[in-house]
Amino acid sequence: MFKRLSSYRAVHHRLLGLCPQDAWTGDGFAFYVFGLAPEEGRACKPDNSSIAIFAVNEAQEVVITVKILTPDEALSTAWIQEWDKPEQAMVLPLPPSWLEV
């Protein structure tokens, strides 16, 4: 399903693997998490890399959104953006459980 999506193709070159690192479902949606390599020219520690989260409507098999989440070095906040609208990014605090991942 993913290979045909423009959102998947846009981030494919940065994927750390072809299979999601995590997936779950709830309320008619499926969520798939893919690890991302750092953008070219950006250094990043292995435990501090970005992830792409695909939200899929299960009934229609349609991707609703793709978010790119990039934690800061302290793993206290994350830069969150739409894959196709980086200018609409926001910074949000990460929960303490993020450190346990």
Protein backbone atom coordinates (compact mmCIF):
# COMPACT_ATOMS: atom_id res chain seq x y z
CA MET A 1 0.00 0.00 0.00
CA PHE A 2 2.68 2.53 0.99
CA LYS A 3 4.87 2.24 -2.09
CA ARG A 4 2.28 3.98 -4.30
CA LEU A 5 1.75 6.94 -1.97
CA SER A 6 3.35 10.28 -2.77
CA SER A 7 3.89 10.87 0.97
CA TYR A 8 5.79 7.57 1.26
CA ARG A 9 7.87 8.26 -1.84
CA ALA A 10 8.74 11.71 -0.49
CA VAL A 11 10.38 10.28 2.65
CA HIS A 12 11.46 6.88 1.24
CA HIS A 13 15.09 7.97 0.72
CA ARG A 14 15.36 8.65 4.48
CA LEU A 15 13.72 5.45 5.77
CA LEU A 16 15.93 3.29 7.97
CA GLY A 17 13.99 0.19 6.93
CA LEU A 18 11.15 -0.90 4.69
CA CYS A 19 9.07 -2.27 7.58
CA PRO A 20 7.57 -0.04 10.26
CA GLN A 21 9.32 0.07 13.63
CA ASP A 22 5.96 0.18 15.37
CA ALA A 23 2.28 -0.03 14.44
CA TRP A 24 -1.01 0.12 16.29
CA THR A 25 -4.72 0.61 15.64
CA GLY A 26 -7.52 2.44 17.38
CA ASP A 27 -10.86 4.05 16.57
CA GLY A 28 -10.75 2.99 12.92
CA PHE A 29 -7.24 4.25 12.30
CA ALA A 30 -3.91 2.46 11.90
CA PHE A 31 -0.62 4.17 12.73
CA TYR A 32 2.74 3.14 11.28
CA VAL A 33 6.08 4.47 12.55
CA PHE A 34 9.19 4.45 10.37
CA GLY A 35 12.64 5.50 11.56
CA LEU A 36 14.29 8.20 9.47
CA ALA A 37 17.94 8.86 8.75
CA PRO A 38 19.07 12.43 9.46
CA GLU A 39 18.59 14.94 6.68
CA GLU A 40 21.73 15.44 4.63
CA GLY A 41 24.16 17.74 6.42
CA ARG A 42 22.60 17.24 9.87
CA ALA A 43 24.35 15.25 12.56
CA CYS A 44 22.15 13.12 14.78
CA LYS A 45 22.74 10.61 17.55
CA PRO A 46 21.17 7.18 16.85
CA ASP A 47 18.74 7.48 19.78
CA ASN A 48 17.76 10.99 18.72
CA SER A 49 16.67 10.46 15.13
CA SER A 50 13.47 11.53 13.44
CA ILE A 51 10.49 9.30 12.82
CA ALA A 52 7.68 9.42 10.29
CA ILE A 53 4.19 8.53 11.53
CA PHE A 54 1.61 7.54 8.92
CA ALA A 55 -2.05 7.71 10.02
CA VAL A 56 -4.29 5.52 7.86
CA ASN A 57 -8.10 5.27 7.74
CA GLU A 58 -8.50 1.50 7.98
CA ALA A 59 -11.92 1.26 6.31
CA GLN A 60 -10.94 3.34 3.29
CA GLU A 61 -7.24 2.37 3.28
CA VAL A 62 -6.35 6.03 2.82
CA VAL A 63 -3.45 7.88 4.44
CA ILE A 64 -4.91 10.76 6.42
CA THR A 65 -1.64 12.43 7.38
CA VAL A 66 2.09 11.88 7.67
CA LYS A 67 3.90 13.64 10.51
CA ILE A 68 7.67 13.97 10.85
CA LEU A 69 8.74 14.10 14.50
CA THR A 70 12.30 15.21 15.34
CA PRO A 71 13.27 15.26 19.04
CA ASP A 72 15.75 17.76 20.41
CA GLU A 73 19.07 16.56 21.87
CA ALA A 74 17.72 16.51 25.43
CA LEU A 75 14.66 14.49 24.28
CA SER A 76 12.45 17.01 26.06
CA THR A 77 10.68 18.55 23.05
CA ALA A 78 10.04 17.58 19.45
CA TRP A 79 9.72 19.50 16.21
CA ILE A 80 6.58 18.15 14.50
CA GLN A 81 5.68 18.89 10.90
CA GLU A 82 3.57 17.64 8.03
CA TRP A 83 5.74 15.90 5.45
CA ASP A 84 4.48 18.24 2.73
CA LYS A 85 4.08 21.44 4.79
CA PRO A 86 7.28 21.99 6.76
CA GLU A 87 6.42 25.66 7.23
CA GLN A 88 3.53 24.61 9.50
CA ALA A 89 5.77 22.97 12.09
CA MET A 90 5.24 23.17 15.83
CA VAL A 91 7.29 22.31 18.90
CA LEU A 92 5.69 20.19 21.60
CA PRO A 93 7.00 18.66 24.85
CA LEU A 94 7.80 14.94 24.81
CA PRO A 95 6.45 12.76 27.62
CA PRO A 96 8.98 11.28 30.08
CA SER A 97 8.16 7.82 28.66
CA TRP A 98 9.88 8.90 25.41
CA LEU A 99 13.22 8.29 27.17
CA GLU A 100 12.24 4.64 27.75
CA VAL A 101 11.86 3.86 24.04
